[in-house]
């Protein structure tokens, strides 16, 4: 029984070392801090806008990308402009529009 426990302990330790090595190599391969602005063109009712912005915010939260998200109004209707403004209230998301009177 002790041989099985020793084998499991050695297996767990080896797995832990492999995981630490994987994290170290991953940290070395990640790009340095190079912030970029991601501009999302929004049209119509903003179909897919929320998913796109949430995906970009997820990338930023995980540390795979640094920068701001800009929602550019390229012909949004009232519904789409309201969605873009609601998304623009989030941290790091900017809504750029020439016409705020539509809302």
N, C-alpha and C. Protein backbone atom coordinates (compact mmCIF):
# COMPACT_ATOMS: atom_id res chain seq x y z
N UNK A 1 0.81 -1.19 0.00
CA UNK A 1 0.00 0.00 0.00
C UNK A 1 0.86 1.26 0.00
N UNK A 2 1.97 1.24 0.72
CA UNK A 2 2.84 2.41 0.77
C UNK A 2 3.51 2.65 -0.58
N UNK A 3 3.77 1.56 -1.33
CA UNK A 3 4.36 1.73 -2.65
C UNK A 3 3.40 2.48 -3.58
N UNK A 4 2.12 2.20 -3.48
CA UNK A 4 1.12 2.88 -4.31
C UNK A 4 1.04 4.35 -3.92
N UNK A 5 1.07 4.64 -2.63
CA UNK A 5 1.02 6.03 -2.18
C UNK A 5 2.27 6.80 -2.59
N UNK A 6 3.43 6.15 -2.51
CA UNK A 6 4.66 6.79 -2.95
C UNK A 6 4.62 7.08 -4.45
N UNK A 7 4.11 6.11 -5.21
CA UNK A 7 3.99 6.30 -6.65
C UNK A 7 3.06 7.47 -6.97
N UNK A 8 1.93 7.56 -6.28
CA UNK A 8 0.99 8.66 -6.51
C UNK A 8 1.60 10.01 -6.10
N UNK A 9 2.37 10.03 -5.02
CA UNK A 9 3.02 11.27 -4.58
C UNK A 9 4.06 11.72 -5.61
N UNK A 10 4.83 10.78 -6.12
CA UNK A 10 5.83 11.12 -7.14
C UNK A 10 5.14 11.58 -8.41
N UNK A 11 4.06 10.93 -8.79
CA UNK A 11 3.30 11.33 -9.98
C UNK A 11 2.73 12.73 -9.82
N UNK A 12 2.18 13.02 -8.66
CA UNK A 12 1.63 14.35 -8.38
C UNK A 12 2.72 15.41 -8.38
N UNK A 13 3.86 15.11 -7.81
CA UNK A 13 4.98 16.06 -7.80
C UNK A 13 5.49 16.32 -9.21
N UNK A 14 5.60 15.29 -10.02
CA UNK A 14 6.04 15.46 -11.41
C UNK A 14 5.04 16.32 -12.18
N UNK A 15 3.76 16.06 -11.97
CA UNK A 15 2.73 16.86 -12.64
C UNK A 15 2.83 18.32 -12.22
N UNK A 16 3.06 18.56 -10.93
CA UNK A 16 3.22 19.92 -10.44
C UNK A 16 4.41 20.63 -11.06
N UNK A 17 5.52 19.92 -11.20
CA UNK A 17 6.70 20.52 -11.83
C UNK A 17 6.46 20.83 -13.30
N UNK A 18 5.77 19.94 -13.99
CA UNK A 18 5.44 20.20 -15.40
C UNK A 18 4.54 21.43 -15.51
N UNK A 19 3.57 21.56 -14.62
CA UNK A 19 2.68 22.72 -14.65
C UNK A 19 3.45 24.01 -14.38
N UNK A 20 4.35 24.00 -13.41
CA UNK A 20 5.16 25.19 -13.13
C UNK A 20 6.04 25.55 -14.33
N UNK A 21 6.62 24.56 -14.97
CA UNK A 21 7.41 24.81 -16.18
C UNK A 21 6.57 25.40 -17.29
N UNK A 22 5.36 24.87 -17.45
CA UNK A 22 4.44 25.37 -18.49
C UNK A 22 4.10 26.84 -18.23
N UNK A 23 3.82 27.19 -16.97
CA UNK A 23 3.50 28.57 -16.63
C UNK A 23 4.71 29.49 -16.85
N UNK A 24 5.90 29.02 -16.53
CA UNK A 24 7.10 29.83 -16.72
C UNK A 24 7.36 30.10 -18.20
N UNK A 25 7.23 29.08 -19.02
CA UNK A 25 7.43 29.27 -20.47
C UNK A 25 6.33 30.17 -21.04
N UNK A 26 5.11 30.00 -20.57
CA UNK A 26 4.02 30.86 -21.03
C UNK A 26 4.25 32.31 -20.68
N UNK A 27 4.77 32.58 -19.48
CA UNK A 27 5.05 33.95 -19.07
C UNK A 27 6.15 34.57 -19.93
N UNK A 28 7.11 33.75 -20.33
CA UNK A 28 8.19 34.26 -21.18
C UNK A 28 7.72 34.54 -22.60
N UNK A 29 6.74 33.79 -23.08
CA UNK A 29 6.28 33.94 -24.45
C UNK A 29 5.21 35.00 -24.62
N UNK A 30 4.55 35.42 -23.53
CA UNK A 30 3.53 36.46 -23.65
C UNK A 30 4.18 37.77 -24.07
N UNK A 31 3.50 38.53 -24.90
CA UNK A 31 4.09 39.81 -25.31
C UNK A 31 4.15 40.77 -24.13
N UNK A 32 5.09 41.69 -24.20
CA UNK A 32 5.20 42.70 -23.16
C UNK A 32 4.04 43.67 -23.22
N UNK A 33 4.08 44.66 -22.37
CA UNK A 33 3.00 45.63 -22.33
C UNK A 33 3.07 46.49 -23.58
N UNK A 34 2.09 46.33 -24.42
CA UNK A 34 1.99 47.10 -25.66
C UNK A 34 0.51 47.39 -25.88
N UNK A 35 -0.01 48.41 -25.19
CA UNK A 35 -1.45 48.66 -25.27
C UNK A 35 -1.88 49.05 -26.68
N UNK A 36 -3.01 48.57 -27.06
CA UNK A 36 -3.57 48.87 -28.38
C UNK A 36 -5.05 49.17 -28.20
N UNK A 37 -5.58 49.99 -29.07
CA UNK A 37 -7.01 50.30 -29.05
C UNK A 37 -7.69 49.41 -30.08
N UNK A 38 -8.73 48.76 -29.63
CA UNK A 38 -9.52 47.91 -30.52
C UNK A 38 -10.79 48.68 -30.87
N UNK A 39 -10.97 49.00 -32.15
CA UNK A 39 -12.13 49.75 -32.60
C UNK A 39 -13.13 48.78 -33.21
N UNK A 40 -14.35 48.79 -32.66
CA UNK A 40 -15.42 47.91 -33.12
C UNK A 40 -16.43 48.78 -33.86
N UNK A 41 -16.64 48.51 -35.14
CA UNK A 41 -17.63 49.24 -35.93
C UNK A 41 -19.01 48.66 -35.65
N UNK A 42 -19.93 49.53 -35.21
CA UNK A 42 -21.28 49.08 -34.86
C UNK A 42 -22.29 49.68 -35.83
N UNK A 43 -23.16 48.83 -36.37
CA UNK A 43 -24.17 49.26 -37.34
C UNK A 43 -25.53 48.71 -36.95
N UNK A 44 -26.57 49.40 -37.37
CA UNK A 44 -27.93 48.92 -37.17
C UNK A 44 -28.30 48.78 -35.71
N UNK A 45 -28.80 47.63 -35.34
CA UNK A 45 -29.22 47.40 -33.95
C UNK A 45 -28.08 46.84 -33.10
N UNK A 46 -26.89 46.77 -33.65
CA UNK A 46 -25.73 46.31 -32.89
C UNK A 46 -25.68 44.81 -32.71
N UNK A 47 -26.08 44.08 -33.75
CA UNK A 47 -26.04 42.61 -33.67
C UNK A 47 -24.61 42.14 -33.45
N UNK A 48 -24.40 41.36 -32.42
CA UNK A 48 -23.09 40.80 -32.11
C UNK A 48 -22.17 41.76 -31.37
N UNK A 49 -22.64 42.98 -31.10
CA UNK A 49 -21.79 43.98 -30.45
C UNK A 49 -21.47 43.58 -29.01
N UNK A 50 -22.46 43.14 -28.28
CA UNK A 50 -22.25 42.78 -26.88
C UNK A 50 -21.28 41.61 -26.76
N UNK A 51 -21.42 40.61 -27.62
CA UNK A 51 -20.53 39.46 -27.58
C UNK A 51 -19.10 39.86 -27.92
N UNK A 52 -18.95 40.75 -28.89
CA UNK A 52 -17.61 41.19 -29.29
C UNK A 52 -16.93 41.94 -28.16
N UNK A 53 -17.67 42.87 -27.55
CA UNK A 53 -17.09 43.66 -26.46
C UNK A 53 -16.76 42.77 -25.27
N UNK A 54 -17.66 41.85 -24.92
CA UNK A 54 -17.39 40.95 -23.79
C UNK A 54 -16.19 40.05 -24.07
N UNK A 55 -16.01 39.62 -25.31
CA UNK A 55 -14.85 38.80 -25.66
C UNK A 55 -13.55 39.60 -25.51
N UNK A 56 -13.57 40.86 -25.94
CA UNK A 56 -12.38 41.69 -25.81
C UNK A 56 -12.07 42.00 -24.34
N UNK A 57 -13.11 42.23 -23.54
CA UNK A 57 -12.89 42.45 -22.11
C UNK A 57 -12.37 41.19 -21.43
N UNK A 58 -12.82 40.03 -21.90
CA UNK A 58 -12.30 38.77 -21.36
C UNK A 58 -10.81 38.62 -21.66
N UNK A 59 -10.42 38.97 -22.88
CA UNK A 59 -9.00 38.91 -23.23
C UNK A 59 -8.17 39.83 -22.34
N UNK A 60 -8.72 41.00 -22.04
CA UNK A 60 -8.00 41.93 -21.18
C UNK A 60 -7.93 41.42 -19.75
N UNK A 61 -9.01 40.82 -19.25
CA UNK A 61 -9.00 40.28 -17.88
C UNK A 61 -8.01 39.14 -17.72
N UNK A 62 -7.84 38.33 -18.75
CA UNK A 62 -6.91 37.21 -18.66
C UNK A 62 -5.46 37.64 -18.84
N UNK A 63 -5.24 38.88 -19.29
CA UNK A 63 -3.88 39.37 -19.47
C UNK A 63 -3.29 39.07 -20.83
N UNK A 64 -4.09 38.55 -21.75
CA UNK A 64 -3.58 38.24 -23.09
C UNK A 64 -3.54 39.46 -23.99
N UNK A 65 -4.23 40.53 -23.58
CA UNK A 65 -4.27 41.75 -24.39
C UNK A 65 -4.45 42.93 -23.46
N UNK A 66 -3.73 44.01 -23.74
CA UNK A 66 -3.87 45.24 -22.96
C UNK A 66 -4.37 46.33 -23.89
N UNK A 67 -5.31 47.09 -23.44
CA UNK A 67 -5.78 48.20 -24.25
C UNK A 67 -7.23 48.53 -23.97
N UNK A 68 -7.73 49.48 -24.74
CA UNK A 68 -9.09 49.95 -24.60
C UNK A 68 -9.94 49.49 -25.77
N UNK A 69 -11.22 49.39 -25.52
CA UNK A 69 -12.18 49.02 -26.55
C UNK A 69 -12.95 50.29 -26.93
N UNK A 70 -13.01 50.59 -28.22
CA UNK A 70 -13.74 51.75 -28.70
C UNK A 70 -14.86 51.26 -29.61
N UNK A 71 -16.09 51.64 -29.27
CA UNK A 71 -17.24 51.31 -30.12
C UNK A 71 -17.49 52.51 -31.01
N UNK A 72 -17.32 52.34 -32.29
CA UNK A 72 -17.49 53.41 -33.28
C UNK A 72 -18.88 53.31 -33.90
N UNK A 73 -19.61 54.40 -33.86
CA UNK A 73 -20.96 54.45 -34.42
C UNK A 73 -20.86 54.58 -35.95
N UNK A 74 -21.25 53.53 -36.62
CA UNK A 74 -21.26 53.52 -38.09
C UNK A 74 -22.69 53.35 -38.61
N UNK A 75 -23.63 54.05 -38.00
CA UNK A 75 -25.02 53.97 -38.43
C UNK A 75 -25.89 53.16 -37.50
N UNK A 76 -25.76 53.39 -36.20
CA UNK A 76 -26.60 52.67 -35.23
C UNK A 76 -27.99 53.30 -35.17
N UNK A 77 -29.00 52.46 -34.97
CA UNK A 77 -30.35 52.98 -34.73
C UNK A 77 -30.50 53.22 -33.23
N UNK A 78 -31.71 53.57 -32.76
CA UNK A 78 -31.92 53.87 -31.34
C UNK A 78 -31.56 52.69 -30.44
N UNK A 79 -32.01 51.52 -30.83
CA UNK A 79 -31.75 50.32 -30.03
C UNK A 79 -30.25 50.03 -29.95
N UNK A 80 -29.57 50.12 -31.07
CA UNK A 80 -28.14 49.86 -31.10
C UNK A 80 -27.34 50.91 -30.34
N UNK A 81 -27.76 52.18 -30.44
CA UNK A 81 -27.06 53.25 -29.72
C UNK A 81 -27.24 53.09 -28.21
N UNK A 82 -28.43 52.66 -27.78
CA UNK A 82 -28.65 52.43 -26.36
C UNK A 82 -27.78 51.30 -25.85
N UNK A 83 -27.66 50.23 -26.64
CA UNK A 83 -26.79 49.11 -26.28
C UNK A 83 -25.33 49.55 -26.21
N UNK A 84 -24.90 50.34 -27.20
CA UNK A 84 -23.51 50.80 -27.23
C UNK A 84 -23.21 51.71 -26.04
N UNK A 85 -24.16 52.56 -25.66
CA UNK A 85 -23.93 53.41 -24.49
C UNK A 85 -23.90 52.60 -23.21
N UNK A 86 -24.74 51.58 -23.11
CA UNK A 86 -24.70 50.71 -21.93
C UNK A 86 -23.37 49.98 -21.84
N UNK A 87 -22.86 49.51 -22.97
CA UNK A 87 -21.56 48.85 -22.98
C UNK A 87 -20.44 49.86 -22.71
N UNK A 88 -20.64 51.09 -23.16
CA UNK A 88 -19.65 52.14 -22.95
C UNK A 88 -19.50 52.54 -21.50
N UNK A 89 -20.48 52.19 -20.68
CA UNK A 89 -20.41 52.51 -19.24
C UNK A 89 -19.43 51.58 -18.50
N UNK A 90 -19.00 50.51 -19.16
CA UNK A 90 -18.07 49.58 -18.53
C UNK A 90 -16.66 50.17 -18.53
N UNK A 91 -15.85 49.70 -17.63
CA UNK A 91 -14.48 50.19 -17.49
C UNK A 91 -13.65 49.82 -18.71
N UNK A 92 -13.04 50.81 -19.35
CA UNK A 92 -12.18 50.56 -20.49
C UNK A 92 -12.88 50.47 -21.82
N UNK A 93 -14.18 50.78 -21.85
CA UNK A 93 -14.94 50.77 -23.09
C UNK A 93 -15.41 52.18 -23.37
N UNK A 94 -15.14 52.66 -24.57
CA UNK A 94 -15.50 54.02 -24.96
C UNK A 94 -16.47 53.96 -26.13
N UNK A 95 -17.53 54.76 -26.07
CA UNK A 95 -18.50 54.84 -27.16
C UNK A 95 -18.26 56.14 -27.89
N UNK A 96 -17.95 56.06 -29.16
CA UNK A 96 -17.66 57.23 -29.97
C UNK A 96 -18.79 57.44 -30.97
N UNK A 97 -19.52 58.56 -30.80
CA UNK A 97 -20.62 58.88 -31.69
C UNK A 97 -20.69 60.37 -31.89
N UNK A 98 -21.10 60.78 -33.09
CA UNK A 98 -21.25 62.20 -33.39
C UNK A 98 -22.64 62.70 -33.02
N UNK A 99 -23.60 61.78 -32.91
CA UNK A 99 -24.99 62.16 -32.72
C UNK A 99 -25.56 61.46 -31.49
N UNK A 100 -25.60 62.15 -30.36
CA UNK A 100 -26.16 61.58 -29.13
C UNK A 100 -27.65 61.89 -28.98
N UNK A 101 -28.22 62.66 -29.90
CA UNK A 101 -29.62 63.06 -29.79
C UNK A 101 -30.58 61.95 -30.15
N UNK A 102 -30.10 60.88 -30.73
CA UNK A 102 -31.00 59.80 -31.16
C UNK A 102 -31.56 59.01 -29.99
N UNK A 103 -30.88 59.06 -28.88
CA UNK A 103 -31.29 58.20 -27.74
C UNK A 103 -32.33 58.90 -26.90
